[in-house]
Amino acid sequence: MADLSITAPLTHPGTLFLLFCFEWPRLWWERISPFGMALEPGEVERRFDEYFEIERIAGTEKPDFSKLIARHAAYLMIRKGDRK
């Protein structure tokens, strides 16, 4: 899973970063598992908004838990300028 501590040092202002992820509200059993498979809605913004401009460019709108992959999303992120 993408993490700011890995992503930020590899980028500079203006860098484009495409993040594809599984995204749905965690079910009760996913909350107790140490191996999270999906991000929760809004988690991309919470994790990356300080350093990246974020635009959701693709994905499904509503989770469908009858499918193996309930919901997916793609985000185009552009690294913001250095903070002074």
C-alpha atoms as a PDB file:
ATOM      1  CA  MET A   1       0.000   0.000   0.000  1.00  0.00           C
ATOM      2  CA  ALA A   2       1.291   3.440  -0.861  1.00  0.00           C
ATOM      3  CA  ASP A   3       2.644   5.332   2.090  1.00  0.00           C
ATOM      4  CA  LEU A   4       3.708   8.957   2.338  1.00  0.00           C
ATOM      5  CA  SER A   5       7.017   8.018   3.996  1.00  0.00           C
ATOM      6  CA  ILE A   6       7.911   6.078   0.831  1.00  0.00           C
ATOM      7  CA  THR A   7       6.285   8.311  -1.787  1.00  0.00           C
ATOM      8  CA  ALA A   8       7.299  11.819  -0.670  1.00  0.00           C
ATOM      9  CA  PRO A   9      11.105  11.327  -0.718  1.00  0.00           C
ATOM     10  CA  LEU A  10      10.909   9.934  -4.266  1.00  0.00           C
ATOM     11  CA  THR A  11       9.107  12.978  -5.634  1.00  0.00           C
ATOM     12  CA  HIS A  12       9.758  16.681  -6.172  1.00  0.00           C
ATOM     13  CA  PRO A  13       7.398  19.606  -6.859  1.00  0.00           C
ATOM     14  CA  GLY A  14       5.435  18.886 -10.025  1.00  0.00           C
ATOM     15  CA  THR A  15       5.943  15.111  -9.973  1.00  0.00           C
ATOM     16  CA  LEU A  16       2.918  13.162 -11.201  1.00  0.00           C
ATOM     17  CA  PHE A  17       1.973  10.087  -9.177  1.00  0.00           C
ATOM     18  CA  LEU A  18      -0.787   7.680 -10.224  1.00  0.00           C
ATOM     19  CA  LEU A  19      -2.281   5.706  -7.367  1.00  0.00           C
ATOM     20  CA  PHE A  20      -4.576   2.775  -8.126  1.00  0.00           C
ATOM     21  CA  CYS A  21      -6.165   1.244  -5.066  1.00  0.00           C
ATOM     22  CA  PHE A  22      -8.995  -0.835  -3.714  1.00  0.00           C
ATOM     23  CA  GLU A  23     -11.273   1.393  -1.694  1.00  0.00           C
ATOM     24  CA  TRP A  24     -14.258   0.546   0.493  1.00  0.00           C
ATOM     25  CA  PRO A  25     -15.433   0.991   4.076  1.00  0.00           C
ATOM     26  CA  ARG A  26     -13.685  -1.670   6.134  1.00  0.00           C
ATOM     27  CA  LEU A  27     -15.793  -4.553   7.319  1.00  0.00           C
ATOM     28  CA  TRP A  28     -15.572  -5.678  10.957  1.00  0.00           C
ATOM     29  CA  TRP A  29     -13.152  -8.514  10.216  1.00  0.00           C
ATOM     30  CA  GLU A  30     -10.892  -6.242   8.141  1.00  0.00           C
ATOM     31  CA  ARG A  31     -10.526  -3.888  11.130  1.00  0.00           C
ATOM     32  CA  ILE A  32      -8.964  -6.615  13.277  1.00  0.00           C
ATOM     33  CA  SER A  33      -6.708  -7.974  10.525  1.00  0.00           C
ATOM     34  CA  PRO A  34      -3.158  -6.583  10.357  1.00  0.00           C
ATOM     35  CA  PHE A  35      -3.214  -6.992   6.561  1.00  0.00           C
ATOM     36  CA  GLY A  36      -5.473  -4.216   5.304  1.00  0.00           C
ATOM     37  CA  MET A  37      -6.305  -4.819   1.671  1.00  0.00           C
ATOM     38  CA  ALA A  38      -8.190  -1.627   0.894  1.00  0.00           C
ATOM     39  CA  LEU A  39      -8.148   2.048   1.725  1.00  0.00           C
ATOM     40  CA  GLU A  40     -11.248   3.571   3.255  1.00  0.00           C
ATOM     41  CA  PRO A  41     -13.055   6.331   1.329  1.00  0.00           C
ATOM     42  CA  GLY A  42     -11.279   9.609   2.091  1.00  0.00           C
ATOM     43  CA  GLU A  43      -8.094   7.903   3.277  1.00  0.00           C
ATOM     44  CA  VAL A  44      -6.093   8.960   0.201  1.00  0.00           C
ATOM     45  CA  GLU A  45      -6.877  12.595   0.962  1.00  0.00           C
ATOM     46  CA  ARG A  46      -6.049  12.172   4.661  1.00  0.00           C
ATOM     47  CA  ARG A  47      -2.696  10.547   3.914  1.00  0.00           C
ATOM     48  CA  PHE A  48      -1.460  12.594   0.963  1.00  0.00           C
ATOM     49  CA  ASP A  49      -3.240  15.977   0.899  1.00  0.00           C
ATOM     50  CA  GLU A  50      -0.480  17.846   2.717  1.00  0.00           C
ATOM     51  CA  TYR A  51       2.035  17.151  -0.070  1.00  0.00           C
ATOM     52  CA  PHE A  52      -0.048  16.386  -3.182  1.00  0.00           C
ATOM     53  CA  GLU A  53      -2.882  17.902  -5.186  1.00  0.00           C
ATOM     54  CA  ILE A  54      -5.295  14.991  -5.566  1.00  0.00           C
ATOM     55  CA  GLU A  55      -7.833  14.259  -8.302  1.00  0.00           C
ATOM     56  CA  ARG A  56      -9.904  11.081  -8.454  1.00  0.00           C
ATOM     57  CA  ILE A  57      -9.833  10.191 -12.154  1.00  0.00           C
ATOM     58  CA  ALA A  58     -11.465   6.734 -12.322  1.00  0.00           C
ATOM     59  CA  GLY A  59     -13.136   4.023 -10.324  1.00  0.00           C
ATOM     60  CA  THR A  60     -16.431   2.701  -9.122  1.00  0.00           C
ATOM     61  CA  GLU A  61     -18.751   4.928  -7.124  1.00  0.00           C
ATOM     62  CA  LYS A  62     -20.462   2.499  -4.748  1.00  0.00           C
ATOM     63  CA  PRO A  63     -18.992  -0.647  -3.216  1.00  0.00           C
ATOM     64  CA  ASP A  64     -20.519  -3.936  -4.369  1.00  0.00           C
ATOM     65  CA  PHE A  65     -19.642  -6.494  -1.701  1.00  0.00           C
ATOM     66  CA  SER A  66     -21.002  -9.335  -3.846  1.00  0.00           C
ATOM     67  CA  LYS A  67     -17.806  -8.997  -5.944  1.00  0.00           C
ATOM     68  CA  LEU A  68     -14.266  -9.961  -4.983  1.00  0.00           C
ATOM     69  CA  ILE A  69     -13.125  -6.351  -5.477  1.00  0.00           C
ATOM     70  CA  ALA A  70     -15.925  -4.280  -3.966  1.00  0.00           C
ATOM     71  CA  ARG A  71     -14.688  -0.909  -5.203  1.00  0.00           C
ATOM     72  CA  HIS A  72     -11.586   0.500  -6.882  1.00  0.00           C
ATOM     73  CA  ALA A  73     -10.274   3.973  -7.576  1.00  0.00           C
ATOM     74  CA  ALA A  74      -7.480   5.739  -9.411  1.00  0.00           C
ATOM     75  CA  TYR A  75      -6.052   9.043  -8.237  1.00  0.00           C
ATOM     76  CA  LEU A  76      -3.772  11.399 -10.129  1.00  0.00           C
ATOM     77  CA  MET A  77      -1.634  13.238  -7.631  1.00  0.00           C
ATOM     78  CA  ILE A  78       0.719  16.146  -8.325  1.00  0.00           C
ATOM     79  CA  ARG A  79       3.377  16.990  -5.780  1.00  0.00           C
ATOM     80  CA  LYS A  80       2.865  20.463  -4.331  1.00  0.00           C
ATOM     81  CA  GLY A  81       5.713  22.989  -4.107  1.00  0.00           C
ATOM     82  CA  ASP A  82       8.055  22.990  -1.131  1.00  0.00           C
ATOM     83  CA  ARG A  83       6.484  24.306   2.033  1.00  0.00           C
ATOM     84  CA  LYS A  84       8.291  27.220   3.624  1.00  0.00           C
END
